[in-house]
N, C-alpha and C. Protein backbone atom coordinates (compact mmCIF):
# COMPACT_ATOMS: atom_id res chain seq x y z
N SER A 1 11.65 17.08 28.97
CA SER A 1 12.24 15.99 28.15
C SER A 1 11.33 14.78 28.26
N ILE A 2 11.56 13.82 27.34
CA ILE A 2 10.76 12.60 27.36
C ILE A 2 10.96 11.84 28.63
N ALA A 3 12.18 11.78 29.13
CA ALA A 3 12.46 11.04 30.40
C ALA A 3 11.66 11.73 31.56
N GLU A 4 11.63 13.04 31.62
CA GLU A 4 10.94 13.72 32.68
C GLU A 4 9.44 13.53 32.52
N TRP A 5 8.97 13.60 31.30
CA TRP A 5 7.51 13.37 31.04
C TRP A 5 7.09 11.95 31.44
N ALA A 6 7.95 10.92 31.09
CA ALA A 6 7.61 9.55 31.41
C ALA A 6 7.58 9.31 32.91
N SER A 7 8.53 9.90 33.65
CA SER A 7 8.64 9.69 35.06
C SER A 7 7.68 10.60 35.86
N GLY A 8 7.08 11.62 35.20
CA GLY A 8 6.21 12.51 35.95
C GLY A 8 6.88 13.69 36.59
N LYS A 9 8.22 13.79 36.40
CA LYS A 9 8.96 14.88 37.08
C LYS A 9 8.59 16.26 36.55
N SER A 10 8.07 16.31 35.28
CA SER A 10 7.66 17.58 34.70
C SER A 10 6.19 17.87 34.88
N SER A 11 5.44 16.97 35.52
CA SER A 11 3.98 17.15 35.73
C SER A 11 3.76 17.87 37.00
N PRO A 12 2.75 18.76 37.04
CA PRO A 12 2.42 19.44 38.31
C PRO A 12 2.12 18.52 39.43
N ASP A 13 1.42 17.43 39.13
CA ASP A 13 1.07 16.46 40.19
C ASP A 13 2.10 15.38 40.40
N LYS A 14 3.22 15.43 39.63
CA LYS A 14 4.30 14.45 39.75
C LYS A 14 3.88 13.03 39.47
N ARG A 15 2.71 12.82 38.87
CA ARG A 15 2.32 11.49 38.54
C ARG A 15 3.02 10.99 37.30
N PRO A 16 3.56 9.79 37.29
CA PRO A 16 4.25 9.25 36.11
C PRO A 16 3.25 9.10 34.99
N ASN A 17 3.74 9.27 33.75
CA ASN A 17 2.97 8.97 32.60
C ASN A 17 3.18 7.54 32.06
N ILE A 18 4.28 6.92 32.48
CA ILE A 18 4.60 5.55 32.12
C ILE A 18 4.61 4.70 33.34
N TYR A 19 3.82 3.63 33.29
CA TYR A 19 3.77 2.64 34.37
C TYR A 19 4.26 1.30 33.84
N LEU A 20 5.03 0.62 34.59
CA LEU A 20 5.55 -0.69 34.20
C LEU A 20 4.78 -1.78 34.91
N SER A 21 4.25 -2.71 34.15
CA SER A 21 3.46 -3.80 34.75
C SER A 21 4.48 -4.82 35.38
N SER A 22 3.95 -5.72 36.15
CA SER A 22 4.80 -6.78 36.71
C SER A 22 5.42 -7.69 35.64
N LYS A 23 4.75 -7.77 34.48
CA LYS A 23 5.33 -8.55 33.38
C LYS A 23 6.49 -7.76 32.72
N GLU A 24 6.38 -6.46 32.71
CA GLU A 24 7.42 -5.64 32.18
C GLU A 24 8.64 -5.59 33.05
N SER A 25 8.42 -5.46 34.33
CA SER A 25 9.55 -5.36 35.30
C SER A 25 9.04 -5.91 36.61
N GLY A 26 9.45 -7.16 36.95
CA GLY A 26 9.04 -7.80 38.18
C GLY A 26 9.52 -7.10 39.43
N ASP A 27 10.76 -6.60 39.31
CA ASP A 27 11.35 -5.97 40.52
C ASP A 27 11.02 -4.44 40.64
N PHE A 28 10.73 -3.81 39.53
CA PHE A 28 10.53 -2.36 39.55
C PHE A 28 9.22 -1.98 38.86
N SER A 29 8.18 -2.74 39.10
CA SER A 29 6.87 -2.37 38.53
C SER A 29 6.38 -1.08 39.23
N GLY A 30 5.52 -0.40 38.45
CA GLY A 30 4.99 0.90 38.95
C GLY A 30 5.47 2.05 38.09
N GLY A 31 5.54 3.24 38.61
CA GLY A 31 5.96 4.42 37.86
C GLY A 31 7.38 4.27 37.36
N TYR A 32 7.60 4.71 36.13
CA TYR A 32 8.93 4.59 35.48
C TYR A 32 9.89 5.56 36.17
N ASP A 33 11.06 5.05 36.44
CA ASP A 33 12.11 5.88 37.07
C ASP A 33 13.41 5.74 36.23
N PRO A 34 13.75 6.78 35.44
CA PRO A 34 14.94 6.70 34.57
C PRO A 34 16.21 6.57 35.34
N ASP A 35 16.25 6.96 36.59
CA ASP A 35 17.49 6.90 37.32
C ASP A 35 17.89 5.48 37.66
N LEU A 36 16.96 4.52 37.60
CA LEU A 36 17.34 3.14 37.84
C LEU A 36 18.22 2.58 36.81
N ASN A 37 18.08 3.05 35.57
CA ASN A 37 18.90 2.59 34.46
C ASN A 37 18.97 3.71 33.42
N PRO A 38 19.89 4.64 33.63
CA PRO A 38 19.91 5.86 32.78
C PRO A 38 20.48 5.67 31.36
N LEU A 39 21.20 4.60 31.13
CA LEU A 39 21.81 4.42 29.80
C LEU A 39 20.82 4.44 28.65
N PRO A 40 19.69 3.75 28.74
CA PRO A 40 18.76 3.80 27.59
C PRO A 40 18.17 5.19 27.26
N THR A 41 18.20 6.10 28.20
CA THR A 41 17.65 7.45 27.99
C THR A 41 18.48 8.19 26.93
N ILE A 42 19.60 7.61 26.56
CA ILE A 42 20.36 8.20 25.40
C ILE A 42 19.51 8.28 24.17
N LEU A 43 18.59 7.25 24.02
CA LEU A 43 17.67 7.24 22.85
C LEU A 43 16.84 8.50 22.84
N PHE A 44 16.28 8.91 24.01
CA PHE A 44 15.48 10.14 24.09
C PHE A 44 16.31 11.34 23.65
N GLU A 45 17.56 11.40 24.20
CA GLU A 45 18.38 12.58 23.94
C GLU A 45 18.73 12.68 22.49
N VAL A 46 19.02 11.57 21.79
CA VAL A 46 19.30 11.56 20.36
C VAL A 46 18.12 12.04 19.57
N PHE A 47 16.93 11.54 19.93
CA PHE A 47 15.71 11.92 19.25
C PHE A 47 15.43 13.37 19.46
N GLU A 48 15.50 13.88 20.64
CA GLU A 48 15.19 15.30 20.97
C GLU A 48 16.16 16.23 20.44
N SER A 49 17.39 15.83 20.15
CA SER A 49 18.41 16.78 19.65
C SER A 49 18.05 17.28 18.29
N GLY A 50 17.32 16.50 17.47
CA GLY A 50 17.00 16.94 16.11
C GLY A 50 18.15 16.80 15.15
N GLU A 51 19.28 16.30 15.66
CA GLU A 51 20.51 16.20 14.76
C GLU A 51 20.55 14.96 13.98
N TYR A 52 19.82 13.97 14.33
CA TYR A 52 19.93 12.62 13.74
C TYR A 52 18.56 12.13 13.32
N ARG A 53 18.56 11.31 12.26
CA ARG A 53 17.38 10.63 11.76
C ARG A 53 17.36 9.16 12.03
N LYS A 54 18.50 8.58 12.61
CA LYS A 54 18.61 7.19 12.89
C LYS A 54 19.47 6.98 14.12
N ALA A 55 18.98 6.06 14.97
CA ALA A 55 19.76 5.66 16.14
C ALA A 55 19.99 4.15 16.06
N VAL A 56 21.20 3.69 16.24
CA VAL A 56 21.58 2.26 16.11
C VAL A 56 22.14 1.82 17.42
N PHE A 57 21.61 0.76 18.04
CA PHE A 57 22.05 0.27 19.30
C PHE A 57 22.53 -1.22 19.19
N LYS A 58 23.77 -1.39 19.43
CA LYS A 58 24.28 -2.78 19.67
C LYS A 58 24.06 -2.99 21.18
N LYS A 59 23.24 -3.98 21.55
CA LYS A 59 22.87 -4.05 22.94
C LYS A 59 23.04 -5.45 23.47
N SER A 60 23.09 -5.53 24.78
CA SER A 60 23.07 -6.86 25.48
C SER A 60 21.62 -7.20 25.83
N SER A 61 21.39 -8.39 26.31
CA SER A 61 20.06 -8.75 26.90
C SER A 61 19.81 -7.90 28.14
N GLN A 62 18.54 -7.52 28.35
CA GLN A 62 18.08 -6.81 29.51
C GLN A 62 18.87 -5.51 29.68
N SER A 63 19.14 -4.86 28.58
CA SER A 63 19.79 -3.55 28.62
C SER A 63 18.81 -2.42 28.86
N GLY A 64 17.52 -2.63 28.66
CA GLY A 64 16.51 -1.58 28.82
C GLY A 64 16.28 -0.76 27.62
N VAL A 65 16.95 -1.04 26.50
CA VAL A 65 16.76 -0.22 25.27
C VAL A 65 15.35 -0.44 24.69
N THR A 66 14.89 -1.68 24.70
CA THR A 66 13.56 -1.97 24.16
C THR A 66 12.51 -1.19 25.02
N LEU A 67 12.68 -1.13 26.27
CA LEU A 67 11.77 -0.35 27.16
C LEU A 67 11.76 1.12 26.72
N ALA A 68 12.94 1.63 26.49
CA ALA A 68 13.07 3.02 26.03
C ALA A 68 12.35 3.25 24.70
N VAL A 69 12.43 2.24 23.80
CA VAL A 69 11.72 2.36 22.54
C VAL A 69 10.21 2.37 22.77
N LEU A 70 9.71 1.51 23.68
CA LEU A 70 8.24 1.53 23.94
C LEU A 70 7.80 2.84 24.55
N ILE A 71 8.61 3.44 25.38
CA ILE A 71 8.28 4.74 25.98
C ILE A 71 8.28 5.79 24.85
N LEU A 72 9.22 5.72 23.95
CA LEU A 72 9.28 6.67 22.84
C LEU A 72 8.03 6.56 21.99
N ILE A 73 7.51 5.32 21.72
CA ILE A 73 6.28 5.11 20.97
C ILE A 73 5.11 5.76 21.74
N CYS A 74 5.03 5.55 23.08
CA CYS A 74 3.95 6.16 23.82
C CYS A 74 3.96 7.69 23.71
N TRP A 75 5.15 8.29 23.76
CA TRP A 75 5.30 9.74 23.65
C TRP A 75 4.86 10.17 22.21
N PHE A 76 5.32 9.39 21.25
CA PHE A 76 5.00 9.65 19.85
C PHE A 76 3.49 9.61 19.60
N VAL A 77 2.83 8.61 20.15
CA VAL A 77 1.38 8.48 20.03
C VAL A 77 0.68 9.66 20.69
N SER A 78 1.19 10.07 21.82
CA SER A 78 0.58 11.16 22.63
C SER A 78 0.67 12.50 21.95
N PHE A 79 1.82 12.81 21.35
CA PHE A 79 2.08 14.21 20.93
C PHE A 79 2.31 14.42 19.44
N VAL A 80 2.83 13.43 18.76
CA VAL A 80 3.16 13.60 17.33
C VAL A 80 2.02 13.08 16.47
N THR A 81 1.34 12.01 16.94
CA THR A 81 0.26 11.39 16.25
C THR A 81 0.52 11.16 14.78
N ARG A 82 1.63 10.54 14.50
CA ARG A 82 1.98 10.05 13.13
C ARG A 82 2.09 8.52 13.18
N ASN A 83 1.79 7.95 12.05
CA ASN A 83 1.86 6.46 11.99
C ASN A 83 3.22 5.97 12.42
N PHE A 84 3.27 4.80 13.03
CA PHE A 84 4.57 4.24 13.39
C PHE A 84 4.65 2.76 13.00
N LEU A 85 5.84 2.30 12.91
CA LEU A 85 6.12 0.96 12.44
C LEU A 85 7.07 0.26 13.47
N TYR A 86 6.74 -1.01 13.85
CA TYR A 86 7.61 -1.75 14.73
C TYR A 86 7.79 -3.15 14.10
N VAL A 87 9.01 -3.50 13.75
CA VAL A 87 9.31 -4.79 13.13
C VAL A 87 10.24 -5.57 14.05
N ILE A 88 9.93 -6.84 14.29
CA ILE A 88 10.80 -7.70 15.02
C ILE A 88 11.00 -9.00 14.24
N ASP A 89 11.83 -9.90 14.68
CA ASP A 89 12.24 -11.03 13.87
C ASP A 89 11.11 -12.00 13.55
N SER A 90 10.13 -12.12 14.37
CA SER A 90 9.05 -13.05 14.12
C SER A 90 7.68 -12.52 14.54
N LEU A 91 6.61 -12.98 13.88
CA LEU A 91 5.24 -12.57 14.20
C LEU A 91 4.87 -13.00 15.62
N GLU A 92 5.33 -14.19 16.02
CA GLU A 92 4.99 -14.66 17.37
C GLU A 92 5.56 -13.76 18.41
N GLU A 93 6.77 -13.34 18.27
CA GLU A 93 7.42 -12.38 19.23
C GLU A 93 6.72 -11.01 19.17
N MET A 94 6.30 -10.62 17.95
CA MET A 94 5.64 -9.32 17.80
C MET A 94 4.32 -9.33 18.58
N ARG A 95 3.59 -10.45 18.42
CA ARG A 95 2.32 -10.56 19.21
C ARG A 95 2.54 -10.44 20.71
N ARG A 96 3.60 -11.10 21.16
CA ARG A 96 3.90 -11.08 22.59
C ARG A 96 4.20 -9.64 23.02
N VAL A 97 5.05 -8.94 22.26
CA VAL A 97 5.42 -7.57 22.62
C VAL A 97 4.21 -6.68 22.63
N SER A 98 3.30 -6.87 21.64
CA SER A 98 2.13 -6.06 21.54
C SER A 98 1.21 -6.28 22.71
N GLN A 99 0.87 -7.56 23.06
CA GLN A 99 -0.05 -7.88 24.09
C GLN A 99 0.45 -7.66 25.46
N GLU A 100 1.73 -7.99 25.69
CA GLU A 100 2.26 -8.01 27.04
C GLU A 100 3.03 -6.75 27.41
N ARG A 101 3.47 -5.95 26.42
CA ARG A 101 4.30 -4.81 26.72
C ARG A 101 3.71 -3.53 26.20
N LEU A 102 3.53 -3.40 24.90
CA LEU A 102 3.18 -2.10 24.33
C LEU A 102 1.74 -1.74 24.69
N GLN A 103 0.76 -2.59 24.43
CA GLN A 103 -0.62 -2.13 24.69
C GLN A 103 -0.89 -1.84 26.15
N PRO A 104 -0.42 -2.67 27.13
CA PRO A 104 -0.64 -2.22 28.49
C PRO A 104 0.00 -0.89 28.82
N MET A 105 1.16 -0.63 28.27
CA MET A 105 1.83 0.68 28.52
C MET A 105 1.03 1.83 27.90
N LEU A 106 0.47 1.64 26.71
CA LEU A 106 -0.31 2.70 26.11
C LEU A 106 -1.57 2.98 26.95
N ARG A 107 -2.23 1.94 27.42
CA ARG A 107 -3.43 2.07 28.19
C ARG A 107 -3.21 2.74 29.54
N ALA A 108 -2.06 2.49 30.12
CA ALA A 108 -1.74 3.07 31.44
C ALA A 108 -1.21 4.51 31.35
N CYS A 109 -0.87 4.91 30.12
CA CYS A 109 -0.35 6.29 29.91
C CYS A 109 -1.49 7.24 29.73
N ARG A 110 -1.57 8.29 30.56
CA ARG A 110 -2.74 9.22 30.45
C ARG A 110 -2.89 9.84 29.11
N ALA A 111 -1.78 10.33 28.53
CA ALA A 111 -1.88 11.04 27.24
C ALA A 111 -2.17 10.10 26.11
N ALA A 112 -1.52 8.92 26.14
CA ALA A 112 -1.72 7.96 25.06
C ALA A 112 -3.09 7.30 25.10
N ALA A 113 -3.57 7.08 26.32
CA ALA A 113 -4.89 6.42 26.50
C ALA A 113 -6.01 7.20 25.79
N SER A 114 -5.83 8.56 25.77
CA SER A 114 -6.87 9.36 25.05
C SER A 114 -6.92 9.09 23.59
N GLN A 115 -5.89 8.45 23.05
CA GLN A 115 -5.84 8.18 21.62
C GLN A 115 -6.43 6.78 21.29
N ILE A 116 -6.73 5.98 22.32
CA ILE A 116 -7.24 4.67 22.12
C ILE A 116 -8.73 4.74 21.81
N PRO A 117 -9.20 4.20 20.70
CA PRO A 117 -10.63 4.27 20.32
C PRO A 117 -11.51 3.49 21.28
N ALA A 118 -12.84 3.88 21.29
CA ALA A 118 -13.76 3.20 22.19
C ALA A 118 -13.98 1.72 21.76
N SER A 119 -13.90 1.49 20.45
CA SER A 119 -14.07 0.14 19.92
C SER A 119 -12.81 -0.68 20.03
N GLU A 120 -12.90 -1.72 20.79
CA GLU A 120 -11.73 -2.62 21.02
C GLU A 120 -11.32 -3.33 19.73
N ASP A 121 -12.30 -3.43 18.76
CA ASP A 121 -11.98 -4.10 17.52
C ASP A 121 -10.85 -3.43 16.72
N LYS A 122 -10.64 -2.12 17.02
CA LYS A 122 -9.60 -1.42 16.29
C LYS A 122 -8.27 -1.59 16.92
N MET A 123 -8.21 -2.17 18.11
CA MET A 123 -6.91 -2.46 18.78
C MET A 123 -6.52 -3.90 18.58
N LYS A 124 -6.26 -4.28 17.35
CA LYS A 124 -5.90 -5.63 17.08
C LYS A 124 -4.46 -5.81 17.52
N THR A 125 -4.06 -7.10 17.62
CA THR A 125 -2.71 -7.39 18.10
C THR A 125 -1.63 -6.75 17.29
N LEU A 126 -1.76 -6.79 15.93
CA LEU A 126 -0.73 -6.35 15.04
C LEU A 126 -0.98 -5.04 14.30
N THR A 127 -2.19 -4.52 14.40
CA THR A 127 -2.54 -3.20 13.87
C THR A 127 -3.27 -2.41 14.88
N LEU A 128 -2.68 -1.33 15.37
CA LEU A 128 -3.32 -0.50 16.41
C LEU A 128 -3.89 0.75 15.75
N SER A 129 -5.23 0.74 15.54
CA SER A 129 -5.88 1.86 14.86
C SER A 129 -6.26 2.90 15.92
N LEU A 130 -5.34 3.77 16.22
CA LEU A 130 -5.58 4.80 17.27
C LEU A 130 -6.29 6.00 16.66
N ARG A 131 -6.71 6.94 17.46
CA ARG A 131 -7.49 8.07 16.95
C ARG A 131 -6.63 8.96 16.02
N GLY A 132 -5.35 9.20 16.35
CA GLY A 132 -4.57 10.10 15.59
C GLY A 132 -3.54 9.44 14.65
N CYS A 133 -3.41 8.12 14.79
CA CYS A 133 -2.37 7.46 13.97
C CYS A 133 -2.64 5.95 13.96
N VAL A 134 -1.86 5.22 13.20
CA VAL A 134 -1.97 3.78 13.13
C VAL A 134 -0.58 3.21 13.47
N GLY A 135 -0.57 2.17 14.27
CA GLY A 135 0.71 1.45 14.57
C GLY A 135 0.71 0.11 13.80
N TYR A 136 1.73 -0.06 12.99
CA TYR A 136 1.87 -1.32 12.23
C TYR A 136 2.94 -2.18 12.92
N LEU A 137 2.57 -3.34 13.40
CA LEU A 137 3.47 -4.21 14.13
C LEU A 137 3.64 -5.46 13.32
N LEU A 138 4.87 -5.71 12.88
CA LEU A 138 5.09 -6.76 11.89
C LEU A 138 6.23 -7.68 12.26
N GLY A 139 6.19 -8.91 11.73
CA GLY A 139 7.34 -9.74 11.74
C GLY A 139 8.22 -9.47 10.53
N ALA A 140 9.44 -9.76 10.64
CA ALA A 140 10.40 -9.38 9.53
C ALA A 140 10.02 -10.06 8.22
N GLY A 141 9.32 -11.14 8.25
CA GLY A 141 8.91 -11.80 7.01
C GLY A 141 7.61 -11.32 6.44
N SER A 142 6.93 -10.42 7.08
CA SER A 142 5.59 -9.91 6.68
C SER A 142 5.75 -8.61 5.90
N LEU A 143 6.52 -8.61 4.80
CA LEU A 143 6.89 -7.36 4.15
C LEU A 143 5.74 -6.80 3.33
N GLY A 144 4.80 -7.57 2.91
CA GLY A 144 3.68 -7.09 2.10
C GLY A 144 2.89 -6.02 2.75
N ALA A 145 2.79 -6.09 4.10
CA ALA A 145 2.00 -5.11 4.83
C ALA A 145 2.66 -3.72 4.88
N LEU A 146 3.92 -3.66 4.38
CA LEU A 146 4.59 -2.34 4.43
C LEU A 146 4.27 -1.44 3.22
N SER A 147 3.66 -2.00 2.20
CA SER A 147 3.48 -1.26 0.97
C SER A 147 2.50 -0.09 1.20
N ASN A 148 2.82 1.07 0.60
CA ASN A 148 1.96 2.25 0.57
C ASN A 148 1.60 2.75 1.98
N LYS A 149 2.49 2.60 2.94
CA LYS A 149 2.26 3.11 4.28
C LYS A 149 3.14 4.33 4.51
N SER A 150 2.57 5.36 5.07
CA SER A 150 3.34 6.56 5.44
C SER A 150 3.58 6.52 6.94
N ILE A 151 4.84 6.64 7.36
CA ILE A 151 5.17 6.53 8.75
C ILE A 151 6.14 7.63 9.19
N GLY A 152 6.10 8.00 10.45
CA GLY A 152 6.99 8.98 11.00
C GLY A 152 8.00 8.39 11.94
N LEU A 153 7.78 7.16 12.40
CA LEU A 153 8.72 6.49 13.32
C LEU A 153 8.79 5.04 12.92
N ALA A 154 10.01 4.51 12.77
CA ALA A 154 10.21 3.11 12.45
C ALA A 154 11.17 2.46 13.41
N VAL A 155 10.83 1.32 14.03
CA VAL A 155 11.67 0.61 14.92
C VAL A 155 11.92 -0.78 14.34
N PHE A 156 13.23 -1.12 14.26
CA PHE A 156 13.65 -2.44 13.75
C PHE A 156 14.36 -3.14 14.93
N ASP A 157 13.69 -4.11 15.48
CA ASP A 157 14.21 -4.79 16.69
C ASP A 157 14.76 -6.16 16.36
N GLU A 158 15.90 -6.53 16.98
CA GLU A 158 16.62 -7.78 16.74
C GLU A 158 16.89 -8.00 15.26
N VAL A 159 17.47 -6.97 14.63
CA VAL A 159 17.70 -7.04 13.15
C VAL A 159 18.67 -8.17 12.78
N ASP A 160 19.60 -8.56 13.65
CA ASP A 160 20.49 -9.61 13.26
C ASP A 160 19.81 -10.95 13.18
N ALA A 161 18.60 -11.08 13.71
CA ALA A 161 17.85 -12.34 13.69
C ALA A 161 16.84 -12.37 12.55
N TYR A 162 16.79 -11.32 11.70
CA TYR A 162 15.81 -11.32 10.59
C TYR A 162 16.16 -12.46 9.66
N PRO A 163 15.16 -13.00 9.00
CA PRO A 163 15.45 -14.08 8.02
C PRO A 163 16.23 -13.53 6.83
N PRO A 164 17.07 -14.41 6.20
CA PRO A 164 17.85 -13.92 5.07
C PRO A 164 16.98 -13.44 3.90
N VAL A 165 17.42 -12.44 3.17
CA VAL A 165 16.73 -11.87 2.09
C VAL A 165 17.30 -12.35 0.77
N PRO A 166 16.49 -12.90 -0.15
CA PRO A 166 16.98 -13.38 -1.41
C PRO A 166 17.74 -12.27 -2.16
N GLU A 167 18.73 -12.61 -2.93
CA GLU A 167 19.48 -11.65 -3.70
C GLU A 167 18.59 -10.81 -4.62
N GLY A 168 18.73 -9.51 -4.54
CA GLY A 168 17.91 -8.61 -5.38
C GLY A 168 16.58 -8.22 -4.75
N ALA A 169 16.21 -8.83 -3.59
CA ALA A 169 14.98 -8.44 -2.90
C ALA A 169 15.27 -7.39 -1.88
N GLU A 170 14.21 -6.67 -1.48
CA GLU A 170 14.35 -5.62 -0.43
C GLU A 170 14.16 -6.23 0.92
N SER A 171 14.91 -5.83 1.87
CA SER A 171 14.76 -6.29 3.26
C SER A 171 13.69 -5.47 3.96
N ALA A 172 13.36 -5.93 5.16
CA ALA A 172 12.36 -5.23 5.97
C ALA A 172 12.84 -3.84 6.36
N THR A 173 14.13 -3.70 6.63
CA THR A 173 14.69 -2.39 6.93
C THR A 173 14.69 -1.47 5.73
N ASP A 174 14.97 -2.02 4.55
CA ASP A 174 14.94 -1.20 3.33
C ASP A 174 13.55 -0.62 3.11
N LEU A 175 12.56 -1.54 3.13
CA LEU A 175 11.18 -1.15 2.89
C LEU A 175 10.67 -0.14 3.94
N GLY A 176 11.01 -0.44 5.20
CA GLY A 176 10.54 0.45 6.29
C GLY A 176 11.14 1.82 6.17
N SER A 177 12.47 1.86 5.86
CA SER A 177 13.12 3.20 5.69
C SER A 177 12.55 3.96 4.53
N GLU A 178 12.19 3.28 3.51
CA GLU A 178 11.59 3.93 2.30
C GLU A 178 10.27 4.59 2.64
N ARG A 179 9.49 4.02 3.56
CA ARG A 179 8.20 4.53 3.92
C ARG A 179 8.35 5.90 4.62
N GLY A 180 9.52 6.22 5.18
CA GLY A 180 9.65 7.42 5.92
C GLY A 180 10.59 8.43 5.34
N LYS A 181 11.37 8.08 4.30
CA LYS A 181 12.41 8.97 3.82
C LYS A 181 11.81 10.26 3.19
N LYS A 182 10.61 10.15 2.64
CA LYS A 182 9.97 11.32 2.02
C LYS A 182 9.27 12.23 3.00
N GLN A 183 9.24 11.79 4.25
CA GLN A 183 8.52 12.63 5.27
C GLN A 183 9.48 13.72 5.79
N ALA A 184 8.89 14.88 6.12
CA ALA A 184 9.67 15.98 6.61
C ALA A 184 10.37 15.62 7.95
N THR A 185 9.67 14.91 8.77
CA THR A 185 10.24 14.45 10.03
C THR A 185 10.07 12.93 10.10
N PHE A 186 11.20 12.25 10.19
CA PHE A 186 11.19 10.78 10.27
C PHE A 186 12.37 10.34 11.11
N PHE A 187 12.09 9.37 11.95
CA PHE A 187 13.11 8.87 12.85
C PHE A 187 13.06 7.32 12.85
N GLU A 188 14.23 6.69 12.77
CA GLU A 188 14.25 5.24 12.79
C GLU A 188 15.25 4.76 13.87
N VAL A 189 14.89 3.62 14.48
CA VAL A 189 15.71 3.01 15.53
C VAL A 189 16.01 1.60 15.13
N TRP A 190 17.28 1.23 15.16
CA TRP A 190 17.74 -0.12 14.92
C TRP A 190 18.27 -0.62 16.29
N LEU A 191 17.96 -1.82 16.71
CA LEU A 191 18.54 -2.42 17.90
C LEU A 191 18.61 -3.90 17.76
N SER A 192 19.68 -4.47 18.35
CA SER A 192 19.86 -5.86 18.24
C SER A 192 21.03 -6.34 19.09
N LYS A 193 20.97 -7.57 19.54
CA LYS A 193 22.15 -8.21 20.06
C LYS A 193 23.01 -8.61 18.84
N PRO A 194 24.27 -8.17 18.77
CA PRO A 194 25.07 -8.55 17.57
C PRO A 194 25.39 -10.04 17.58
N ILE A 195 25.18 -10.69 16.40
CA ILE A 195 25.47 -12.09 16.25
C ILE A 195 26.76 -12.27 15.49
N HIS A 196 26.98 -11.53 14.41
CA HIS A 196 28.18 -11.72 13.55
C HIS A 196 28.74 -10.32 13.33
N TRP A 197 30.04 -10.30 13.11
CA TRP A 197 30.72 -9.00 12.79
C TRP A 197 30.16 -8.34 11.58
N ASP A 198 29.81 -9.17 10.54
CA ASP A 198 29.27 -8.60 9.33
C ASP A 198 27.76 -8.52 9.33
N GLY A 199 27.14 -8.70 10.48
CA GLY A 199 25.71 -8.58 10.63
C GLY A 199 25.24 -7.18 10.51
N PRO A 200 23.95 -6.92 10.22
CA PRO A 200 23.48 -5.54 9.96
C PRO A 200 23.65 -4.61 11.11
N ILE A 201 23.43 -5.07 12.34
CA ILE A 201 23.54 -4.07 13.43
C ILE A 201 24.97 -3.56 13.64
N ASN A 202 25.98 -4.46 13.44
CA ASN A 202 27.33 -4.01 13.60
C ASN A 202 27.75 -3.13 12.43
N GLN A 203 27.33 -3.51 11.25
CA GLN A 203 27.69 -2.65 10.08
C GLN A 203 27.06 -1.25 10.16
N GLU A 204 25.80 -1.19 10.60
CA GLU A 204 25.21 0.10 10.80
C GLU A 204 25.93 0.92 11.89
N TYR A 205 26.36 0.26 12.92
CA TYR A 205 27.03 0.93 14.02
C TYR A 205 28.39 1.49 13.45
N LEU A 206 29.08 0.70 12.65
CA LEU A 206 30.42 1.14 12.16
C LEU A 206 30.35 2.39 11.27
N ILE A 207 29.25 2.60 10.59
CA ILE A 207 29.13 3.79 9.70
C ILE A 207 28.51 4.95 10.44
N GLY A 208 28.23 4.82 11.72
CA GLY A 208 27.62 5.88 12.49
C GLY A 208 28.66 6.59 13.32
N THR A 209 28.23 7.21 14.45
CA THR A 209 29.15 7.96 15.28
C THR A 209 30.02 7.14 16.15
N ARG A 210 29.62 5.84 16.30
CA ARG A 210 30.38 4.82 17.12
C ARG A 210 30.47 5.27 18.60
N HIS A 211 29.42 5.88 19.13
CA HIS A 211 29.41 6.13 20.57
C HIS A 211 29.50 4.84 21.38
N LYS A 212 30.17 4.96 22.52
CA LYS A 212 30.22 3.85 23.45
C LYS A 212 29.86 4.38 24.82
N CYS A 213 29.24 3.51 25.61
CA CYS A 213 28.88 3.89 26.98
C CYS A 213 29.82 3.28 27.98
N PHE A 214 30.41 4.12 28.82
CA PHE A 214 31.32 3.59 29.86
C PHE A 214 30.68 3.80 31.17
N VAL A 215 30.73 2.75 32.02
CA VAL A 215 30.03 2.80 33.30
C VAL A 215 31.03 2.50 34.39
N PRO A 216 30.79 3.09 35.57
CA PRO A 216 31.75 2.81 36.67
C PRO A 216 31.53 1.48 37.31
N CYS A 217 32.62 0.84 37.68
CA CYS A 217 32.58 -0.43 38.42
C CYS A 217 31.95 -0.13 39.76
N PRO A 218 30.97 -0.93 40.22
CA PRO A 218 30.34 -0.65 41.50
C PRO A 218 31.29 -0.88 42.71
N HIS A 219 32.42 -1.51 42.45
CA HIS A 219 33.36 -1.81 43.59
C HIS A 219 34.47 -0.82 43.68
N CYS A 220 35.15 -0.45 42.55
CA CYS A 220 36.29 0.45 42.66
C CYS A 220 35.98 1.81 42.06
N GLY A 221 34.87 1.99 41.37
CA GLY A 221 34.51 3.28 40.77
C GLY A 221 35.19 3.62 39.48
N GLU A 222 36.07 2.71 38.96
CA GLU A 222 36.73 3.03 37.69
C GLU A 222 35.84 2.78 36.54
N PHE A 223 35.87 3.71 35.58
CA PHE A 223 35.00 3.58 34.41
C PHE A 223 35.58 2.53 33.44
N GLN A 224 34.69 1.71 32.87
CA GLN A 224 35.18 0.59 32.04
C GLN A 224 34.22 0.38 30.84
């Protein structure tokens, strides 16, 4: 499974494939351990099941879902080698995610590192030209860069914070989804802290399976 691959449990030498930098996790830097926060691994299970083409997460801050998304991208780069798309609410935040989170994780991953070209010029902040695929990292307002791109994985992060779309225009999620709908295998992930009841993340959640995660209270053990 992706969680076992990331943690190294399925490797003969038990070496993790995913390492967390001190910027990624100050308290738990080092090899990834899914047992520390098992809830986000639901993303891996949904993807691996083959039953769904979209996963929608209404999440809280520091839930670990974004980390699970970055791990999925590393696995995707390592084994699927199809173009991927990552959109967040602003270009400034996308640059931060690329420089401080995604690129260090790709370089520290044994399988993904083999896809990184020798020329550093191809590893730009917002376009990662890897050997087997290209990663397009965009702000929600940079829709022009989505035209004529074929992708196998699309991630839409903090969708409730995307700028308003003029009436009759296509949103970033619309354009991104269109880039993958004609592909034989395509998977998209929506995640966001919900801001309004009628916001996109809640509306997408309501038309889905409406799964909820119940966790035990650390004091009494009752699930809540």
